[in-house]
C-alpha cells in the first residue's frame, strides 16, 4: 500500500474533520499532493492541491473552509475541513504525483468516507 489515508467519519453540519495521507517511501520525488472527492453518481473532482513549494489550489466550493497542508519530510498531506456541509459528503481520495517504483505517475489512496449529516 503506497498511500494510507485516515480521518474520515460522520460529522454534523458545521463540524470539522481532519484527513491525513501518508505516502510510503516507495514514492519519492513527490511534486504535487492533493485531495479529490467523489459523491455517489458523480465524477471525481479536485478538492485541494499543494505543490512541493507550498502553492495551494482549492475548488471554489471549499475555499475558505478547507485548508490543505503537507509535511515534505514525512511525505504527508493533510486536509483540515471546517464548517462542513451535507454537500461535502463523499469518498475522499488522496492523490500524489511523483516518481515511484512504477515510474512517474499519479498514485491514489483507497479512499475514506466523509459523511456530513444531522
Protein backbone atom coordinates (compact mmCIF):
# COMPACT_ATOMS: atom_id res chain seq x y z
CA UNK A 1 0.00 0.00 0.00
CA UNK A 2 1.59 3.22 -1.12
CA UNK A 3 -0.85 5.84 0.20
CA UNK A 4 -2.55 5.42 3.57
CA UNK A 5 -5.46 7.71 4.42
CA UNK A 6 -7.09 8.34 7.78
CA UNK A 7 -9.53 10.68 9.46
CA UNK A 8 -12.85 10.19 7.72
CA UNK A 9 -16.12 9.68 9.54
CA UNK A 10 -19.53 11.08 10.40
CA UNK A 11 -19.90 14.69 11.48
CA UNK A 12 -22.80 17.09 11.94
CA UNK A 13 -23.24 20.11 9.67
CA UNK A 14 -20.95 22.91 10.81
CA UNK A 15 -18.48 20.47 12.30
CA UNK A 16 -14.86 19.75 11.43
CA UNK A 17 -12.75 16.80 10.33
CA UNK A 18 -9.08 16.39 9.51
CA UNK A 19 -7.92 13.95 6.87
CA UNK A 20 -4.34 12.73 6.64
CA UNK A 21 -2.49 10.79 3.97
CA UNK A 22 0.98 9.32 4.24
CA UNK A 23 2.93 8.22 1.20
CA UNK A 24 5.27 5.28 1.54
CA UNK A 25 8.96 5.61 0.84
CA UNK A 26 8.44 3.75 -2.42
CA UNK A 27 7.13 7.05 -3.81
CA UNK A 28 9.85 9.65 -3.98
CA UNK A 29 10.40 12.95 -5.77
CA UNK A 30 6.81 13.96 -4.99
CA UNK A 31 5.72 17.01 -6.94
CA UNK A 32 2.06 17.56 -6.06
CA UNK A 33 -0.13 16.21 -3.29
CA UNK A 34 -3.89 16.59 -3.47
CA UNK A 35 -7.30 15.53 -2.27
CA UNK A 36 -10.16 14.58 -4.56
CA UNK A 37 -13.70 13.55 -3.70
CA UNK A 38 -16.43 11.55 -5.34
CA UNK A 39 -20.07 11.61 -4.33
CA UNK A 40 -22.45 8.82 -5.37
CA UNK A 41 -23.33 9.10 -9.05
CA UNK A 42 -20.87 11.93 -9.65
CA UNK A 43 -17.40 12.23 -11.10
CA UNK A 44 -14.26 12.51 -9.01
CA UNK A 45 -13.35 16.17 -8.54
CA UNK A 46 -10.35 18.03 -7.19
CA UNK A 47 -10.87 19.45 -3.71
CA UNK A 48 -7.45 20.92 -2.98
CA UNK A 49 -3.84 20.53 -4.03
CA UNK A 50 -0.46 21.69 -2.81
CA UNK A 51 2.84 21.81 -4.66
CA UNK A 52 6.23 20.91 -3.25
CA UNK A 53 6.86 24.63 -2.80
CA UNK A 54 3.62 25.13 -0.90
CA UNK A 55 1.43 26.67 -3.58
CA UNK A 56 -2.18 25.72 -2.92
CA UNK A 57 -5.26 25.43 -5.09
CA UNK A 58 -8.85 24.95 -3.95
CA UNK A 59 -12.18 24.15 -5.51
CA UNK A 60 -14.48 27.15 -5.29
CA UNK A 61 -16.93 25.16 -3.16
CA UNK A 62 -14.42 24.63 -0.35
CA UNK A 63 -12.26 27.75 -0.48
CA UNK A 64 -12.25 29.47 2.90
CA UNK A 65 -13.47 26.34 4.71
CA UNK A 66 -10.82 23.74 3.90
CA UNK A 67 -7.05 24.01 4.32
CA UNK A 68 -4.52 21.69 2.70
CA UNK A 69 -1.02 21.31 4.11
CA UNK A 70 1.93 18.99 3.65
CA UNK A 71 4.96 17.82 5.56
CA UNK A 72 7.61 17.18 2.95
CA UNK A 73 9.98 15.37 5.26
CA UNK A 74 7.23 12.90 6.16
CA UNK A 75 5.58 12.71 2.71
CA UNK A 76 2.28 13.57 4.37
CA UNK A 77 -0.61 15.69 3.18
CA UNK A 78 -3.46 16.85 5.41
CA UNK A 79 -6.88 18.35 4.76
CA UNK A 80 -8.48 20.36 7.54
CA UNK A 81 -12.20 20.64 6.83
CA UNK A 82 -14.24 23.20 8.77
CA UNK A 83 -17.84 24.37 8.50
CA UNK A 84 -18.77 21.11 6.84
CA UNK A 85 -21.98 20.92 4.83
CA UNK A 86 -24.11 17.97 3.76
CA UNK A 87 -22.94 18.51 0.19
CA UNK A 88 -19.38 17.75 1.33
CA UNK A 89 -20.44 14.13 1.83
CA UNK A 90 -18.28 11.95 -0.42
CA UNK A 91 -15.43 9.49 -0.55
CA UNK A 92 -12.22 11.48 -0.29
CA UNK A 93 -9.14 10.24 -2.13
CA UNK A 94 -5.54 11.18 -1.57
CA UNK A 95 -3.53 11.77 -4.75
CA UNK A 96 0.19 12.13 -5.27
CA UNK A 97 2.11 12.83 -8.45
CA UNK A 98 5.67 11.66 -8.21
CA UNK A 99 8.28 9.10 -9.12
CA UNK A 100 7.93 5.71 -7.51
CA UNK A 101 8.56 2.09 -8.20
CA UNK A 102 6.02 2.36 -11.02
CA UNK A 103 7.67 5.43 -12.52
CA UNK A 104 6.36 8.97 -12.86
CA UNK A 105 2.60 8.88 -12.48
CA UNK A 106 -0.40 9.62 -10.28
CA UNK A 107 -0.76 7.45 -7.20
CA UNK A 108 -4.12 7.08 -5.41
CA UNK A 109 -5.21 6.16 -1.93
CA UNK A 110 -8.03 3.74 -1.22
CA UNK A 111 -10.45 6.49 -0.21
CA UNK A 112 -12.03 7.47 3.09
CA UNK A 113 -15.72 8.19 3.63
CA UNK A 114 -16.81 11.58 4.93
CA UNK A 115 -20.48 11.91 5.84
CA UNK A 116 -21.99 15.21 6.95
CA UNK A 117 -25.41 14.68 8.42
CA UNK A 118 -27.51 15.57 11.42
